[in-house]
């Protein structure tokens, strides 16, 4: 079987194993779940009863998990160079875009899995809450709520993935993936007259509304334009760099 004939599902399976069976990947996912569990404990002790509903608990857990997901996306790409497997990987599969495509699909799969874990934790928490607090334990939750949560998780992970591919080095990618959007948001607040334009380039307003379920037509457009800047652009730069980079 030639490299080009290797089924994509097999490549995705390989990339999933590479993302989860390393020490860094395993502990990163474990810490992410532990943070979510810690948030659940905090909410049961200190949250207001009206905030202890399935929808609100799920959104809070997703927000916490998404803090670390960009690092998982970064490591999915940069591990090829940090672990010195790039030569073997791209020799076995010479079409480099197929490898990146498999990594991308594997990353999206992990984001959906993280969303399912968040929902499971939210269900358990919502079942416990009425017994230990004054919450009424509302079970209102729709498929749209799950879809928005999955999209939020996916965008968070893909932002790290794109920076990882652009820089191909873990440390700089991690720093810039967190620093640049934060710096941009600060600048947009302090520069007079820039706030309206920044809403179309800063991901924070639209992704916050996405998680809260408060999206409007304009916010969907702002989400698209901002993610083109923070995901599509570095991803395109990374693909160009990857095609030109020597593997030796």
Foldseek 3Di string as FASTA:
>chain_A
DALVPDDLVVLLVVLLCVLPVDPVNVVLVVVLVVQLVVVLVVCLVDNDLVCLELLNQLLVSLVSSLVSLLLSLLCSQLVCPVVVVVVVVCVRRVPVVSNLVSSLVNSLVVLLVSSVSSSVVSQVSLVCNVVRHVHPSHHDDDPLLSVLSSVLSSLSNLLSNLLSLLVSHNPVSVCCSPPVLVVLVVVCVPDPPNVVVVLLQRQVVLSVCSSVVNDDPVSVNSNVSNSCVRRVVSNVNSVVCVVPDDSD
